Amino acid sequence: MAVTTMRGRLDEEDIKRLVRATDPDDRATSAHKICRRIAAGSLTDSDREAAREILDYIMADAAETVRRALAVTLKNSPQLPHDLALRLIDDVESIAVPVLESSPVLTDDDLIRIVEGGVESKQVSIARRQSVTTRVVRAITERGSEKAVATVAANDGAQFDRSAYASALRRWGKSAAVTDGFIARSHIPVDVAEKMVALVSDAALKRLATRR
């Protein structure tokens, strides 16, 4: 197999162990080491071609722990090929969530597709991203679960426009989790705060008044 011929920054012993090991935990350990070297971004051109081959090999592994090793190790890396990122976010929750929450290679369209898929754990992971664009926020407030909307409401890195505020309050205005999320934000528009006055509990109203 060609993957066993990789050289340079990719350790040949790890690659052989990945290919030959029968224990999924051993393969996962090797996959983690290989992906960590790929994430470092210091591969030669020939190693980069081989790296793609080994990533495909890891993705084809039937063991969830092996694919998760790839997802967790490359979740923050721009070295993760976009098409592999798409396969990861369509995988089971333990593999998809780290990539959805952190990967810089995912586009707004990729994230919106997942939001519209309706899986709450995946929606919440997107709502937790360090930066969530207005388009994605709108998708979450219009299609997301209560937990996803509450999460994005509390995320100061989420870019709300008036449409997103309106859809969140229309759908979940009576949810303490959602209104508490908005109260926790560093800033909300005055008119949004005024609309919330009629929706929140007395205790939440006191917090809102204190913060605003």
N, C-alpha and C. Protein backbone atom coordinates (compact mmCIF):
# COMPACT_ATOMS: atom_id res chain seq x y z
N MET A 1 0.84 -1.20 0.00
CA MET A 1 0.00 0.00 0.00
C MET A 1 0.87 1.24 0.00
N ALA A 2 0.46 2.24 -0.78
CA ALA A 2 1.29 3.42 -0.97
C ALA A 2 1.49 4.20 0.32
N VAL A 3 0.51 4.16 1.22
CA VAL A 3 0.66 4.95 2.44
C VAL A 3 1.84 4.51 3.28
N THR A 4 2.27 3.28 3.11
CA THR A 4 3.40 2.81 3.91
C THR A 4 4.73 3.33 3.38
N THR A 5 4.73 4.05 2.29
CA THR A 5 5.97 4.57 1.72
C THR A 5 6.20 6.03 2.07
N MET A 6 5.34 6.63 2.89
CA MET A 6 5.49 8.05 3.21
C MET A 6 6.75 8.29 4.02
N ARG A 7 7.40 9.43 3.77
CA ARG A 7 8.65 9.76 4.42
C ARG A 7 8.55 11.17 5.02
N GLY A 8 9.71 11.79 5.21
CA GLY A 8 9.75 13.18 5.65
C GLY A 8 9.20 13.34 7.05
N ARG A 9 8.29 14.29 7.20
CA ARG A 9 7.75 14.63 8.50
C ARG A 9 6.75 13.60 9.02
N LEU A 10 6.28 12.71 8.17
CA LEU A 10 5.34 11.69 8.59
C LEU A 10 6.09 10.42 8.96
N ASP A 11 5.93 9.96 10.19
CA ASP A 11 6.69 8.83 10.69
C ASP A 11 6.20 7.52 10.09
N GLU A 12 7.11 6.80 9.47
CA GLU A 12 6.75 5.57 8.77
C GLU A 12 6.23 4.51 9.72
N GLU A 13 6.76 4.45 10.93
CA GLU A 13 6.31 3.44 11.89
C GLU A 13 4.86 3.68 12.29
N ASP A 14 4.49 4.94 12.47
CA ASP A 14 3.09 5.24 12.79
C ASP A 14 2.17 4.83 11.65
N ILE A 15 2.63 5.06 10.43
CA ILE A 15 1.82 4.70 9.27
C ILE A 15 1.65 3.19 9.16
N LYS A 16 2.74 2.45 9.37
CA LYS A 16 2.65 0.99 9.34
C LYS A 16 1.71 0.48 10.43
N ARG A 17 1.80 1.09 11.61
CA ARG A 17 0.93 0.67 12.71
C ARG A 17 -0.53 0.94 12.38
N LEU A 18 -0.78 2.09 11.75
CA LEU A 18 -2.14 2.43 11.35
C LEU A 18 -2.71 1.39 10.38
N VAL A 19 -1.88 0.97 9.45
CA VAL A 19 -2.33 0.04 8.40
C VAL A 19 -2.47 -1.38 8.94
N ARG A 20 -1.56 -1.77 9.83
CA ARG A 20 -1.49 -3.18 10.22
C ARG A 20 -2.18 -3.52 11.54
N ALA A 21 -2.36 -2.54 12.42
CA ALA A 21 -2.89 -2.84 13.76
C ALA A 21 -4.32 -3.34 13.68
N THR A 22 -4.63 -4.36 14.47
CA THR A 22 -5.99 -4.88 14.53
C THR A 22 -6.80 -4.22 15.64
N ASP A 23 -6.12 -3.65 16.63
CA ASP A 23 -6.79 -2.97 17.74
C ASP A 23 -7.15 -1.54 17.32
N PRO A 24 -8.43 -1.15 17.35
CA PRO A 24 -8.82 0.21 16.97
C PRO A 24 -8.13 1.30 17.78
N ASP A 25 -7.87 1.03 19.08
CA ASP A 25 -7.19 2.03 19.91
C ASP A 25 -5.77 2.28 19.41
N ASP A 26 -5.10 1.23 18.97
CA ASP A 26 -3.75 1.39 18.43
C ASP A 26 -3.80 2.21 17.13
N ARG A 27 -4.78 1.93 16.29
CA ARG A 27 -4.91 2.69 15.05
C ARG A 27 -5.25 4.15 15.35
N ALA A 28 -6.09 4.36 16.36
CA ALA A 28 -6.46 5.73 16.73
C ALA A 28 -5.25 6.52 17.23
N THR A 29 -4.38 5.85 18.01
CA THR A 29 -3.16 6.51 18.49
C THR A 29 -2.26 6.90 17.33
N SER A 30 -2.10 6.00 16.39
CA SER A 30 -1.28 6.31 15.21
C SER A 30 -1.91 7.42 14.38
N ALA A 31 -3.22 7.37 14.21
CA ALA A 31 -3.92 8.41 13.44
C ALA A 31 -3.73 9.78 14.10
N HIS A 32 -3.79 9.82 15.42
CA HIS A 32 -3.59 11.09 16.14
C HIS A 32 -2.18 11.64 15.88
N LYS A 33 -1.18 10.78 15.97
CA LYS A 33 0.20 11.24 15.76
C LYS A 33 0.40 11.75 14.33
N ILE A 34 -0.14 11.02 13.37
CA ILE A 34 0.00 11.43 11.97
C ILE A 34 -0.71 12.74 11.71
N CYS A 35 -1.94 12.86 12.21
CA CYS A 35 -2.72 14.09 11.99
C CYS A 35 -2.08 15.30 12.68
N ARG A 36 -1.44 15.06 13.81
CA ARG A 36 -0.76 16.15 14.50
C ARG A 36 0.38 16.70 13.66
N ARG A 37 1.09 15.82 12.96
CA ARG A 37 2.18 16.25 12.08
C ARG A 37 1.61 16.99 10.86
N ILE A 38 0.47 16.50 10.35
CA ILE A 38 -0.17 17.18 9.23
C ILE A 38 -0.62 18.57 9.64
N ALA A 39 -1.16 18.68 10.84
CA ALA A 39 -1.64 19.98 11.33
C ALA A 39 -0.52 20.99 11.47
N ALA A 40 0.71 20.50 11.70
CA ALA A 40 1.85 21.41 11.85
C ALA A 40 2.14 22.16 10.56
N GLY A 41 1.71 21.62 9.44
CA GLY A 41 1.81 22.33 8.16
C GLY A 41 3.20 22.45 7.60
N SER A 42 4.13 21.59 8.04
CA SER A 42 5.51 21.69 7.57
C SER A 42 5.90 20.50 6.69
N LEU A 43 4.98 20.05 5.86
CA LEU A 43 5.23 18.90 4.99
C LEU A 43 5.81 19.33 3.65
N THR A 44 6.57 18.45 3.05
CA THR A 44 7.03 18.68 1.68
C THR A 44 5.87 18.44 0.73
N ASP A 45 6.04 18.81 -0.54
CA ASP A 45 4.98 18.60 -1.52
C ASP A 45 4.63 17.12 -1.64
N SER A 46 5.64 16.27 -1.67
CA SER A 46 5.37 14.84 -1.80
C SER A 46 4.67 14.30 -0.56
N ASP A 47 5.08 14.80 0.62
CA ASP A 47 4.42 14.38 1.85
C ASP A 47 2.97 14.84 1.88
N ARG A 48 2.72 16.03 1.33
CA ARG A 48 1.36 16.55 1.32
C ARG A 48 0.43 15.68 0.49
N GLU A 49 0.94 15.21 -0.62
CA GLU A 49 0.14 14.30 -1.45
C GLU A 49 -0.12 12.99 -0.69
N ALA A 50 0.92 12.49 -0.04
CA ALA A 50 0.76 11.26 0.72
C ALA A 50 -0.15 11.47 1.92
N ALA A 51 -0.09 12.68 2.51
CA ALA A 51 -0.94 12.98 3.66
C ALA A 51 -2.41 12.87 3.28
N ARG A 52 -2.75 13.35 2.10
CA ARG A 52 -4.13 13.25 1.66
C ARG A 52 -4.55 11.78 1.55
N GLU A 53 -3.65 10.95 1.07
CA GLU A 53 -3.96 9.53 0.93
C GLU A 53 -4.20 8.90 2.30
N ILE A 54 -3.36 9.26 3.27
CA ILE A 54 -3.52 8.67 4.59
C ILE A 54 -4.78 9.17 5.28
N LEU A 55 -5.16 10.44 5.05
CA LEU A 55 -6.40 10.96 5.61
C LEU A 55 -7.61 10.21 5.04
N ASP A 56 -7.58 9.94 3.76
CA ASP A 56 -8.65 9.15 3.15
C ASP A 56 -8.71 7.76 3.78
N TYR A 57 -7.55 7.20 4.05
CA TYR A 57 -7.48 5.87 4.65
C TYR A 57 -8.09 5.89 6.05
N ILE A 58 -7.77 6.94 6.83
CA ILE A 58 -8.32 7.06 8.18
C ILE A 58 -9.84 7.22 8.12
N MET A 59 -10.33 8.05 7.18
CA MET A 59 -11.76 8.28 7.06
C MET A 59 -12.52 7.01 6.72
N ALA A 60 -11.87 6.08 6.06
CA ALA A 60 -12.51 4.83 5.66
C ALA A 60 -12.52 3.80 6.78
N ASP A 61 -11.85 4.11 7.89
CA ASP A 61 -11.79 3.14 8.99
C ASP A 61 -13.17 2.98 9.61
N ALA A 62 -13.57 1.76 9.86
CA ALA A 62 -14.90 1.48 10.42
C ALA A 62 -14.99 1.87 11.89
N ALA A 63 -13.85 1.99 12.56
CA ALA A 63 -13.85 2.29 14.00
C ALA A 63 -14.06 3.78 14.24
N GLU A 64 -15.06 4.10 15.04
CA GLU A 64 -15.37 5.50 15.36
C GLU A 64 -14.19 6.18 16.04
N THR A 65 -13.46 5.47 16.89
CA THR A 65 -12.35 6.09 17.61
C THR A 65 -11.25 6.56 16.67
N VAL A 66 -11.07 5.87 15.57
CA VAL A 66 -10.02 6.25 14.61
C VAL A 66 -10.43 7.51 13.87
N ARG A 67 -11.67 7.57 13.40
CA ARG A 67 -12.14 8.77 12.69
C ARG A 67 -12.21 9.96 13.64
N ARG A 68 -12.54 9.68 14.90
CA ARG A 68 -12.58 10.77 15.88
C ARG A 68 -11.19 11.35 16.12
N ALA A 69 -10.17 10.51 16.09
CA ALA A 69 -8.80 11.00 16.25
C ALA A 69 -8.48 12.03 15.18
N LEU A 70 -8.92 11.77 13.96
CA LEU A 70 -8.71 12.73 12.86
C LEU A 70 -9.48 14.02 13.15
N ALA A 71 -10.75 13.89 13.52
CA ALA A 71 -11.60 15.07 13.75
C ALA A 71 -11.06 15.96 14.86
N VAL A 72 -10.70 15.35 15.97
CA VAL A 72 -10.24 16.13 17.12
C VAL A 72 -8.89 16.79 16.85
N THR A 73 -8.01 16.08 16.18
CA THR A 73 -6.66 16.60 15.95
C THR A 73 -6.64 17.71 14.90
N LEU A 74 -7.50 17.62 13.90
CA LEU A 74 -7.50 18.60 12.81
C LEU A 74 -8.66 19.59 12.88
N LYS A 75 -9.38 19.62 13.98
CA LYS A 75 -10.58 20.46 14.07
C LYS A 75 -10.27 21.95 13.93
N ASN A 76 -9.09 22.38 14.35
CA ASN A 76 -8.72 23.81 14.25
C ASN A 76 -7.80 24.11 13.07
N SER A 77 -7.49 23.09 12.29
CA SER A 77 -6.42 23.24 11.29
C SER A 77 -6.94 23.61 9.90
N PRO A 78 -6.30 24.59 9.27
CA PRO A 78 -6.61 24.88 7.87
C PRO A 78 -6.08 23.80 6.93
N GLN A 79 -5.32 22.85 7.47
CA GLN A 79 -4.79 21.75 6.65
C GLN A 79 -5.84 20.67 6.39
N LEU A 80 -6.97 20.74 7.06
CA LEU A 80 -8.02 19.75 6.84
C LEU A 80 -8.69 20.02 5.50
N PRO A 81 -8.62 19.10 4.55
CA PRO A 81 -9.27 19.32 3.25
C PRO A 81 -10.78 19.54 3.42
N HIS A 82 -11.31 20.47 2.64
CA HIS A 82 -12.71 20.83 2.79
C HIS A 82 -13.64 19.63 2.58
N ASP A 83 -13.37 18.82 1.59
CA ASP A 83 -14.27 17.69 1.32
C ASP A 83 -14.25 16.67 2.45
N LEU A 84 -13.10 16.54 3.13
CA LEU A 84 -13.05 15.65 4.28
C LEU A 84 -13.80 16.25 5.46
N ALA A 85 -13.72 17.58 5.61
CA ALA A 85 -14.48 18.25 6.67
C ALA A 85 -15.97 18.00 6.50
N LEU A 86 -16.45 18.02 5.25
CA LEU A 86 -17.86 17.76 4.99
C LEU A 86 -18.24 16.34 5.38
N ARG A 87 -17.36 15.40 5.12
CA ARG A 87 -17.64 14.02 5.51
C ARG A 87 -17.65 13.88 7.04
N LEU A 88 -16.78 14.60 7.71
CA LEU A 88 -16.72 14.53 9.16
C LEU A 88 -17.99 15.10 9.80
N ILE A 89 -18.50 16.22 9.29
CA ILE A 89 -19.67 16.83 9.92
C ILE A 89 -20.95 16.05 9.63
N ASP A 90 -20.89 15.15 8.66
CA ASP A 90 -22.03 14.27 8.40
C ASP A 90 -21.91 12.94 9.13
N ASP A 91 -20.83 12.79 9.89
CA ASP A 91 -20.58 11.55 10.64
C ASP A 91 -21.37 11.59 11.95
N VAL A 92 -21.13 10.63 12.81
CA VAL A 92 -21.81 10.56 14.10
C VAL A 92 -21.41 11.76 14.96
N GLU A 93 -22.20 12.00 16.00
CA GLU A 93 -22.04 13.20 16.82
C GLU A 93 -20.63 13.39 17.37
N SER A 94 -20.03 12.35 17.91
CA SER A 94 -18.72 12.49 18.55
C SER A 94 -17.64 12.94 17.57
N ILE A 95 -17.86 12.68 16.30
CA ILE A 95 -16.90 13.06 15.26
C ILE A 95 -17.27 14.41 14.66
N ALA A 96 -18.55 14.64 14.45
CA ALA A 96 -19.00 15.87 13.79
C ALA A 96 -18.86 17.10 14.67
N VAL A 97 -19.20 16.97 15.94
CA VAL A 97 -19.27 18.14 16.82
C VAL A 97 -17.95 18.92 16.94
N PRO A 98 -16.81 18.26 17.17
CA PRO A 98 -15.56 19.05 17.28
C PRO A 98 -15.26 19.86 16.02
N VAL A 99 -15.55 19.30 14.86
CA VAL A 99 -15.27 19.99 13.60
C VAL A 99 -16.25 21.14 13.40
N LEU A 100 -17.52 20.90 13.69
CA LEU A 100 -18.53 21.96 13.55
C LEU A 100 -18.23 23.14 14.47
N GLU A 101 -17.74 22.85 15.64
CA GLU A 101 -17.51 23.91 16.62
C GLU A 101 -16.27 24.74 16.31
N SER A 102 -15.30 24.16 15.60
CA SER A 102 -14.01 24.84 15.51
C SER A 102 -13.42 25.01 14.12
N SER A 103 -13.80 24.20 13.14
CA SER A 103 -13.05 24.17 11.89
C SER A 103 -13.15 25.47 11.09
N PRO A 104 -11.99 26.02 10.69
CA PRO A 104 -11.99 27.24 9.88
C PRO A 104 -12.26 26.99 8.40
N VAL A 105 -12.30 25.73 7.97
CA VAL A 105 -12.47 25.45 6.54
C VAL A 105 -13.95 25.35 6.15
N LEU A 106 -14.85 25.32 7.13
CA LEU A 106 -16.28 25.22 6.82
C LEU A 106 -16.83 26.58 6.40
N THR A 107 -17.70 26.57 5.42
CA THR A 107 -18.32 27.80 4.92
C THR A 107 -19.67 28.01 5.60
N ASP A 108 -20.23 29.21 5.41
CA ASP A 108 -21.58 29.46 5.92
C ASP A 108 -22.58 28.47 5.35
N ASP A 109 -22.46 28.16 4.07
CA ASP A 109 -23.38 27.22 3.44
C ASP A 109 -23.28 25.84 4.09
N ASP A 110 -22.06 25.42 4.42
CA ASP A 110 -21.87 24.13 5.09
C ASP A 110 -22.60 24.12 6.44
N LEU A 111 -22.43 25.19 7.20
CA LEU A 111 -23.01 25.27 8.54
C LEU A 111 -24.52 25.36 8.48
N ILE A 112 -25.04 26.15 7.55
CA ILE A 112 -26.49 26.30 7.42
C ILE A 112 -27.13 24.96 7.04
N ARG A 113 -26.48 24.21 6.18
CA ARG A 113 -27.02 22.90 5.80
C ARG A 113 -27.18 22.01 7.02
N ILE A 114 -26.20 22.04 7.90
CA ILE A 114 -26.27 21.23 9.11
C ILE A 114 -27.37 21.74 10.05
N VAL A 115 -27.47 23.06 10.20
CA VAL A 115 -28.54 23.62 11.04
C VAL A 115 -29.90 23.16 10.53
N GLU A 116 -30.08 23.21 9.23
CA GLU A 116 -31.36 22.83 8.64
C GLU A 116 -31.62 21.33 8.73
N GLY A 117 -30.58 20.56 9.01
CA GLY A 117 -30.74 19.12 9.19
C GLY A 117 -31.47 18.76 10.47
N GLY A 118 -31.48 19.69 11.44
CA GLY A 118 -32.31 19.52 12.63
C GLY A 118 -31.72 18.73 13.77
N VAL A 119 -30.45 18.34 13.70
CA VAL A 119 -29.84 17.58 14.80
C VAL A 119 -29.37 18.58 15.86
N GLU A 120 -29.98 18.53 17.04
CA GLU A 120 -29.74 19.56 18.05
C GLU A 120 -28.27 19.66 18.46
N SER A 121 -27.62 18.54 18.72
CA SER A 121 -26.23 18.59 19.18
C SER A 121 -25.34 19.28 18.15
N LYS A 122 -25.62 19.09 16.87
CA LYS A 122 -24.83 19.73 15.83
C LYS A 122 -25.18 21.22 15.73
N GLN A 123 -26.45 21.56 15.89
CA GLN A 123 -26.85 22.97 15.89
C GLN A 123 -26.16 23.72 17.04
N VAL A 124 -26.14 23.10 18.21
CA VAL A 124 -25.53 23.73 19.39
C VAL A 124 -24.04 23.94 19.18
N SER A 125 -23.37 22.97 18.57
CA SER A 125 -21.93 23.11 18.35
C SER A 125 -21.64 24.27 17.41
N ILE A 126 -22.48 24.49 16.42
CA ILE A 126 -22.32 25.64 15.53
C ILE A 126 -22.57 26.93 16.28
N ALA A 127 -23.58 26.93 17.14
CA ALA A 127 -23.91 28.12 17.93
C ALA A 127 -22.79 28.50 18.88
N ARG A 128 -21.91 27.56 19.22
CA ARG A 128 -20.79 27.83 20.13
C ARG A 128 -19.55 28.36 19.42
N ARG A 129 -19.54 28.37 18.10
CA ARG A 129 -18.33 28.78 17.38
C ARG A 129 -17.86 30.16 17.85
N GLN A 130 -16.56 30.37 17.79
CA GLN A 130 -16.00 31.63 18.25
C GLN A 130 -16.59 32.82 17.50
N SER A 131 -16.86 32.62 16.22
CA SER A 131 -17.50 33.65 15.41
C SER A 131 -18.60 33.00 14.59
N VAL A 132 -19.80 33.56 14.67
CA VAL A 132 -20.94 33.03 13.91
C VAL A 132 -21.50 34.19 13.09
N THR A 133 -21.48 34.05 11.77
CA THR A 133 -21.90 35.14 10.90
C THR A 133 -23.41 35.36 10.99
N THR A 134 -23.84 36.52 10.49
CA THR A 134 -25.25 36.87 10.52
C THR A 134 -26.10 35.83 9.80
N ARG A 135 -25.63 35.33 8.65
CA ARG A 135 -26.40 34.32 7.91
C ARG A 135 -26.63 33.07 8.74
N VAL A 136 -25.59 32.63 9.41
CA VAL A 136 -25.70 31.41 10.20
C VAL A 136 -26.56 31.65 11.44
N VAL A 137 -26.40 32.81 12.06
CA VAL A 137 -27.25 33.15 13.21
C VAL A 137 -28.72 33.15 12.82
N ARG A 138 -29.02 33.74 11.66
CA ARG A 138 -30.41 33.74 11.20
C ARG A 138 -30.94 32.31 11.05
N ALA A 139 -30.12 31.44 10.47
CA ALA A 139 -30.53 30.06 10.28
C ALA A 139 -30.82 29.38 11.62
N ILE A 140 -29.97 29.65 12.61
CA ILE A 140 -30.18 29.05 13.93
C ILE A 140 -31.45 29.57 14.57
N THR A 141 -31.67 30.89 14.54
CA THR A 141 -32.85 31.45 15.19
C THR A 141 -34.14 31.04 14.48
N GLU A 142 -34.05 30.79 13.18
CA GLU A 142 -35.25 30.42 12.41
C GLU A 142 -35.53 28.92 12.43
N ARG A 143 -34.46 28.10 12.53
CA ARG A 143 -34.64 26.65 12.40
C ARG A 143 -34.09 25.87 13.59
N GLY A 144 -33.36 26.51 14.47
CA GLY A 144 -32.69 25.80 15.54
C GLY A 144 -33.60 25.44 16.71
N SER A 145 -33.14 24.48 17.50
CA SER A 145 -33.87 24.08 18.71
C SER A 145 -33.75 25.18 19.77
N GLU A 146 -34.53 25.04 20.83
CA GLU A 146 -34.46 26.02 21.93
C GLU A 146 -33.04 26.11 22.49
N LYS A 147 -32.39 24.96 22.68
CA LYS A 147 -31.04 24.96 23.24
C LYS A 147 -30.06 25.64 22.29
N ALA A 148 -30.20 25.40 21.00
CA ALA A 148 -29.30 26.03 20.03
C ALA A 148 -29.49 27.55 20.01
N VAL A 149 -30.73 28.00 20.06
CA VAL A 149 -31.01 29.44 20.05
C VAL A 149 -30.50 30.08 21.34
N ALA A 150 -30.70 29.41 22.47
CA ALA A 150 -30.19 29.94 23.74
C ALA A 150 -28.67 30.04 23.72
N THR A 151 -28.02 29.07 23.11
CA THR A 151 -26.55 29.07 23.05
C THR A 151 -26.05 30.21 22.19
N VAL A 152 -26.64 30.40 21.02
CA VAL A 152 -26.18 31.47 20.13
C VAL A 152 -26.55 32.83 20.71
N ALA A 153 -27.66 32.91 21.46
CA ALA A 153 -28.06 34.18 22.09
C ALA A 153 -27.00 34.65 23.09
N ALA A 154 -26.38 33.70 23.79
CA ALA A 154 -25.39 34.05 24.81
C ALA A 154 -23.98 34.21 24.24
N ASN A 155 -23.80 33.94 22.96
CA ASN A 155 -22.48 33.97 22.33
C ASN A 155 -22.19 35.37 21.79
N ASP A 156 -21.27 36.08 22.41
CA ASP A 156 -20.94 37.43 21.96
C ASP A 156 -20.26 37.43 20.60
N GLY A 157 -19.78 36.28 20.16
CA GLY A 157 -19.18 36.19 18.84
C GLY A 157 -20.20 35.95 17.74
N ALA A 158 -21.46 35.82 18.12
CA ALA A 158 -22.54 35.62 17.15
C ALA A 158 -23.09 36.98 16.71
N GLN A 159 -23.15 37.17 15.40
CA GLN A 159 -23.53 38.48 14.84
C GLN A 159 -25.03 38.52 14.55
N PHE A 160 -25.78 39.11 15.48
CA PHE A 160 -27.22 39.23 15.34
C PHE A 160 -27.59 40.47 14.55
N ASP A 161 -28.58 40.34 13.68
CA ASP A 161 -29.22 41.51 13.09
C ASP A 161 -30.66 41.53 13.60
N ARG A 162 -31.45 42.51 13.20
CA ARG A 162 -32.80 42.66 13.74
C ARG A 162 -33.68 41.47 13.38
N SER A 163 -33.46 40.92 12.19
CA SER A 163 -34.23 39.76 11.78
C SER A 163 -33.98 38.58 12.71
N ALA A 164 -32.72 38.36 13.08
CA ALA A 164 -32.38 37.24 13.96
C ALA A 164 -32.95 37.44 15.36
N TYR A 165 -32.85 38.68 15.88
CA TYR A 165 -33.45 38.96 17.18
C TYR A 165 -34.95 38.68 17.13
N ALA A 166 -35.60 39.15 16.06
CA ALA A 166 -37.04 39.01 15.94
C ALA A 166 -37.47 37.55 15.88
N SER A 167 -36.77 36.74 15.08
CA SER A 167 -37.17 35.34 14.96
C SER A 167 -36.90 34.57 16.25
N ALA A 168 -35.81 34.92 16.95
CA ALA A 168 -35.52 34.25 18.22
C ALA A 168 -36.61 34.54 19.25
N LEU A 169 -37.03 35.80 19.35
CA LEU A 169 -38.05 36.15 20.33
C LEU A 169 -39.43 35.67 19.90
N ARG A 170 -39.69 35.63 18.61
CA ARG A 170 -40.98 35.13 18.14
C ARG A 170 -41.15 33.65 18.47
N ARG A 171 -40.07 32.88 18.27
CA ARG A 171 -40.15 31.44 18.49
C ARG A 171 -39.94 31.05 19.95
N TRP A 172 -39.02 31.73 20.63
CA TRP A 172 -38.61 31.28 21.96
C TRP A 172 -38.63 32.41 22.98
N GLY A 173 -39.44 33.42 22.76
CA GLY A 173 -39.46 34.55 23.68
C GLY A 173 -39.87 34.20 25.10
N LYS A 174 -40.63 33.11 25.26
CA LYS A 174 -41.05 32.69 26.60
C LYS A 174 -40.09 31.69 27.23
N SER A 175 -38.99 31.42 26.54
CA SER A 175 -37.99 30.50 27.07
C SER A 175 -37.01 31.26 27.96
N ALA A 176 -36.93 30.87 29.23
CA ALA A 176 -35.98 31.52 30.14
C ALA A 176 -34.56 31.33 29.67
N ALA A 177 -34.25 30.17 29.07
CA ALA A 177 -32.89 29.92 28.60
C ALA A 177 -32.50 30.91 27.51
N VAL A 178 -33.43 31.19 26.59
CA VAL A 178 -33.13 32.10 25.49
C VAL A 178 -33.03 33.54 25.98
N THR A 179 -34.00 33.98 26.78
CA THR A 179 -33.95 35.36 27.25
C THR A 179 -32.75 35.59 28.18
N ASP A 180 -32.41 34.58 28.98
CA ASP A 180 -31.22 34.70 29.83
C ASP A 180 -29.96 34.79 28.97
N GLY A 181 -29.97 34.09 27.82
CA GLY A 181 -28.84 34.19 26.91
C GLY A 181 -28.67 35.60 26.40
N PHE A 182 -29.76 36.23 26.00
CA PHE A 182 -29.68 37.62 25.52
C PHE A 182 -29.24 38.57 26.64
N ILE A 183 -29.73 38.33 27.84
CA ILE A 183 -29.34 39.18 28.97
C ILE A 183 -27.84 39.07 29.22
N ALA A 184 -27.27 37.89 28.97
CA ALA A 184 -25.84 37.68 29.21
C ALA A 184 -24.95 38.34 28.16
N ARG A 185 -25.52 38.73 27.02
CA ARG A 185 -24.71 39.36 25.97
C ARG A 185 -24.16 40.70 26.46
N SER A 186 -23.02 41.10 25.91
CA SER A 186 -22.44 42.38 26.30
C SER A 186 -23.26 43.55 25.79
N HIS A 187 -24.04 43.32 24.72
CA HIS A 187 -24.88 44.40 24.18
C HIS A 187 -26.07 43.81 23.43
N ILE A 188 -27.23 44.41 23.65
CA ILE A 188 -28.40 44.16 22.81
C ILE A 188 -29.05 45.51 22.52
N PRO A 189 -29.68 45.65 21.36
CA PRO A 189 -30.32 46.92 21.03
C PRO A 189 -31.41 47.28 22.06
N VAL A 190 -31.62 48.57 22.24
CA VAL A 190 -32.60 49.04 23.22
C VAL A 190 -33.99 48.51 22.90
N ASP A 191 -34.38 48.51 21.64
CA ASP A 191 -35.73 48.05 21.30
C ASP A 191 -35.91 46.56 21.59
N VAL A 192 -34.82 45.77 21.46
CA VAL A 192 -34.90 44.35 21.81
C VAL A 192 -35.07 44.20 23.31
N ALA A 193 -34.33 44.98 24.09
CA ALA A 193 -34.47 44.94 25.54
C ALA A 193 -35.89 45.32 25.95
N GLU A 194 -36.46 46.29 25.26
CA GLU A 194 -37.83 46.71 25.59
C GLU A 194 -38.84 45.60 25.32
N LYS A 195 -38.66 44.88 24.22
CA LYS A 195 -39.55 43.76 23.90
C LYS A 195 -39.42 42.65 24.94
N MET A 196 -38.22 42.47 25.46
CA MET A 196 -37.99 41.40 26.43
C MET A 196 -38.65 41.69 27.77
N VAL A 197 -38.87 42.96 28.09
CA VAL A 197 -39.45 43.33 29.37
C VAL A 197 -40.76 42.61 29.61
N ALA A 198 -41.56 42.46 28.56
CA ALA A 198 -42.87 41.82 28.70
C ALA A 198 -42.77 40.30 28.72
N LEU A 199 -41.59 39.76 28.45
CA LEU A 199 -41.45 38.31 28.30
C LEU A 199 -40.75 37.63 29.47
N VAL A 200 -39.85 38.35 30.14
CA VAL A 200 -38.98 37.69 31.12
C VAL A 200 -39.60 37.68 32.51
N SER A 201 -39.08 36.82 33.36
CA SER A 201 -39.52 36.72 34.74
C SER A 201 -39.04 37.93 35.53
N ASP A 202 -39.58 38.09 36.75
CA ASP A 202 -39.17 39.22 37.59
C ASP A 202 -37.67 39.17 37.87
N ALA A 203 -37.16 37.97 38.15
CA ALA A 203 -35.74 37.85 38.44
C ALA A 203 -34.91 38.21 37.22
N ALA A 204 -35.34 37.74 36.05
CA ALA A 204 -34.62 38.08 34.81
C ALA A 204 -34.74 39.55 34.52
N LEU A 205 -35.88 40.14 34.80
CA LEU A 205 -36.08 41.58 34.57
C LEU A 205 -35.10 42.40 35.41
N LYS A 206 -34.88 41.97 36.64
CA LYS A 206 -33.92 42.66 37.48
C LYS A 206 -32.51 42.57 36.89
N ARG A 207 -32.16 41.38 36.37
CA ARG A 207 -30.83 41.23 35.77
C ARG A 207 -30.73 42.09 34.51
N LEU A 208 -31.80 42.12 33.73
CA LEU A 208 -31.81 42.94 32.53
C LEU A 208 -31.65 44.41 32.88
N ALA A 209 -32.37 44.86 33.87
CA ALA A 209 -32.29 46.27 34.27
C ALA A 209 -30.91 46.62 34.80
N THR A 210 -30.29 45.67 35.54
CA THR A 210 -28.96 45.92 36.08
C THR A 210 -27.92 46.03 34.99
N ARG A 211 -28.01 45.14 33.99
CA ARG A 211 -27.02 45.12 32.91
C ARG A 211 -27.24 46.24 31.91
N ARG A 212 -28.47 46.73 31.77
CA ARG A 212 -28.76 47.74 30.75
C ARG A 212 -28.90 49.14 31.31
